[in-house]
N, C-alpha and C. Protein backbone atom coordinates (compact mmCIF):
# COMPACT_ATOMS: atom_id res chain seq x y z
N MET A 1 123.03 75.17 26.55
CA MET A 1 122.69 76.50 27.02
C MET A 1 123.41 76.70 28.36
N ASN A 2 124.16 77.77 28.47
CA ASN A 2 124.83 78.00 29.74
C ASN A 2 123.92 78.73 30.72
N PHE A 3 124.41 78.90 31.93
CA PHE A 3 123.60 79.44 33.01
C PHE A 3 123.08 80.84 32.70
N LEU A 4 123.93 81.71 32.20
CA LEU A 4 123.52 83.09 31.92
C LEU A 4 122.44 83.16 30.85
N ASN A 5 122.57 82.34 29.82
CA ASN A 5 121.53 82.31 28.78
C ASN A 5 120.20 81.80 29.34
N GLY A 6 120.26 80.80 30.21
CA GLY A 6 119.04 80.26 30.79
C GLY A 6 118.32 81.26 31.67
N ILE A 7 119.08 81.95 32.52
CA ILE A 7 118.48 82.97 33.40
C ILE A 7 117.90 84.11 32.58
N THR A 8 118.63 84.52 31.54
CA THR A 8 118.14 85.60 30.68
C THR A 8 116.84 85.20 30.00
N LEU A 9 116.77 83.98 29.52
CA LEU A 9 115.54 83.50 28.88
C LEU A 9 114.37 83.49 29.86
N LEU A 10 114.61 83.02 31.08
CA LEU A 10 113.55 83.03 32.09
C LEU A 10 113.06 84.44 32.38
N LEU A 11 113.98 85.38 32.53
CA LEU A 11 113.60 86.76 32.83
C LEU A 11 112.86 87.42 31.67
N VAL A 12 113.24 87.09 30.45
CA VAL A 12 112.53 87.64 29.28
C VAL A 12 111.09 87.14 29.25
N TYR A 13 110.89 85.86 29.50
CA TYR A 13 109.53 85.32 29.53
C TYR A 13 108.73 85.88 30.70
N GLN A 14 109.38 86.10 31.84
CA GLN A 14 108.70 86.70 32.98
C GLN A 14 108.27 88.12 32.65
N LEU A 15 109.15 88.88 32.02
CA LEU A 15 108.82 90.24 31.62
C LEU A 15 107.68 90.25 30.60
N ALA A 16 107.73 89.35 29.64
CA ALA A 16 106.65 89.27 28.65
C ALA A 16 105.33 88.94 29.32
N GLY A 17 105.36 88.04 30.30
CA GLY A 17 104.14 87.72 31.04
C GLY A 17 103.60 88.91 31.79
N GLU A 18 104.49 89.68 32.43
CA GLU A 18 104.06 90.88 33.17
C GLU A 18 103.43 91.90 32.22
N ILE A 19 104.04 92.10 31.06
CA ILE A 19 103.51 93.07 30.10
C ILE A 19 102.13 92.65 29.61
N ILE A 20 101.98 91.38 29.28
CA ILE A 20 100.68 90.89 28.78
C ILE A 20 99.61 91.02 29.85
N VAL A 21 99.94 90.67 31.10
CA VAL A 21 98.97 90.77 32.19
C VAL A 21 98.52 92.21 32.39
N ARG A 22 99.47 93.14 32.35
CA ARG A 22 99.11 94.55 32.55
C ARG A 22 98.32 95.11 31.37
N LEU A 23 98.64 94.69 30.16
CA LEU A 23 97.92 95.20 29.00
C LEU A 23 96.51 94.63 28.90
N LEU A 24 96.35 93.35 29.20
CA LEU A 24 95.06 92.70 29.03
C LEU A 24 94.23 92.66 30.31
N GLY A 25 94.84 92.97 31.45
CA GLY A 25 94.11 92.95 32.70
C GLY A 25 93.73 91.55 33.15
N VAL A 26 94.55 90.58 32.81
CA VAL A 26 94.30 89.19 33.20
C VAL A 26 94.55 89.05 34.70
N SER A 27 93.81 88.17 35.35
CA SER A 27 93.89 88.06 36.81
C SER A 27 94.86 86.98 37.30
N ILE A 28 95.87 86.65 36.50
CA ILE A 28 96.90 85.72 36.97
C ILE A 28 98.22 86.47 37.06
N PRO A 29 99.13 86.03 37.91
CA PRO A 29 100.42 86.72 38.02
C PRO A 29 101.23 86.65 36.72
N GLY A 30 101.94 87.72 36.42
CA GLY A 30 102.74 87.79 35.20
C GLY A 30 103.78 86.69 35.09
N PRO A 31 104.53 86.40 36.18
CA PRO A 31 105.53 85.33 36.08
C PRO A 31 104.91 83.96 35.77
N VAL A 32 103.70 83.72 36.27
CA VAL A 32 103.04 82.44 35.98
C VAL A 32 102.70 82.36 34.49
N LEU A 33 102.18 83.43 33.95
CA LEU A 33 101.88 83.46 32.51
C LEU A 33 103.16 83.31 31.70
N GLY A 34 104.24 83.93 32.16
CA GLY A 34 105.52 83.81 31.47
C GLY A 34 106.02 82.37 31.46
N MET A 35 105.87 81.67 32.58
CA MET A 35 106.32 80.28 32.64
C MET A 35 105.45 79.37 31.77
N VAL A 36 104.15 79.68 31.69
CA VAL A 36 103.26 78.92 30.79
C VAL A 36 103.69 79.14 29.34
N MET A 37 104.01 80.38 29.01
CA MET A 37 104.47 80.67 27.64
C MET A 37 105.79 79.96 27.35
N LEU A 38 106.70 79.93 28.32
CA LEU A 38 107.96 79.22 28.14
C LEU A 38 107.72 77.72 27.95
N PHE A 39 106.82 77.15 28.74
CA PHE A 39 106.49 75.74 28.62
C PHE A 39 105.93 75.43 27.23
N ILE A 40 105.02 76.27 26.77
CA ILE A 40 104.42 76.06 25.44
C ILE A 40 105.48 76.17 24.36
N THR A 41 106.39 77.14 24.50
CA THR A 41 107.48 77.29 23.53
C THR A 41 108.35 76.04 23.49
N MET A 42 108.67 75.50 24.68
CA MET A 42 109.51 74.31 24.73
C MET A 42 108.79 73.11 24.13
N MET A 43 107.49 73.01 24.34
CA MET A 43 106.72 71.89 23.77
C MET A 43 106.66 72.00 22.25
N ILE A 44 106.49 73.20 21.72
CA ILE A 44 106.42 73.39 20.28
C ILE A 44 107.76 73.09 19.63
N ARG A 45 108.83 73.55 20.26
CA ARG A 45 110.17 73.32 19.70
C ARG A 45 110.59 71.86 19.83
N GLY A 46 110.02 71.15 20.80
CA GLY A 46 110.32 69.74 20.96
C GLY A 46 111.70 69.47 21.53
N ARG A 47 112.27 70.41 22.25
CA ARG A 47 113.60 70.22 22.82
C ARG A 47 113.50 70.20 24.34
N ARG A 48 114.35 69.36 24.92
CA ARG A 48 114.46 69.29 26.36
C ARG A 48 115.92 69.49 26.73
N PRO A 49 116.17 69.98 27.94
CA PRO A 49 117.57 70.07 28.38
C PRO A 49 118.21 68.68 28.40
N ARG A 50 119.51 68.61 28.14
CA ARG A 50 120.22 67.33 28.11
C ARG A 50 120.07 66.57 29.41
N LEU A 51 119.96 67.28 30.52
CA LEU A 51 119.83 66.63 31.83
C LEU A 51 118.59 65.74 31.87
N LEU A 52 117.52 66.13 31.20
CA LEU A 52 116.29 65.36 31.23
C LEU A 52 116.33 64.15 30.30
N ASN A 53 117.30 64.11 29.41
CA ASN A 53 117.40 62.98 28.49
C ASN A 53 118.08 61.78 29.11
N ARG A 54 118.80 61.97 30.22
CA ARG A 54 119.51 60.88 30.88
C ARG A 54 118.63 60.26 31.95
N PRO A 55 118.71 58.97 32.15
CA PRO A 55 117.95 58.36 33.24
C PRO A 55 118.56 58.76 34.59
N LEU A 56 117.71 58.87 35.59
CA LEU A 56 118.18 59.21 36.93
C LEU A 56 118.84 58.00 37.58
N ARG A 57 119.92 58.25 38.32
CA ARG A 57 120.58 57.17 39.05
C ARG A 57 120.08 57.19 40.48
N HIS A 58 119.74 56.03 40.98
CA HIS A 58 119.30 55.92 42.37
C HIS A 58 120.51 55.80 43.27
N CYS A 59 120.42 56.38 44.44
CA CYS A 59 121.54 56.33 45.39
C CYS A 59 121.72 54.96 46.00
C-alpha cells in the first residue's frame, strides 16, 4: 500500500466515524471511533503492514 492509499484509507475511516457519531449521538470523538473501526477491520482481515512483519534492529 503506498502513502496516498494509506492516507485515503485513514481519512475514509475518520469520516465514517464522524458520521456515525453524529447520527447516533455517541459521546466519543469521531476520529477515535474511526480508528477503532480500522483496527477491527485489520484484525478481521488478518493482515499487517510488511514493516511489522520484520524484527526490529537495535542500534
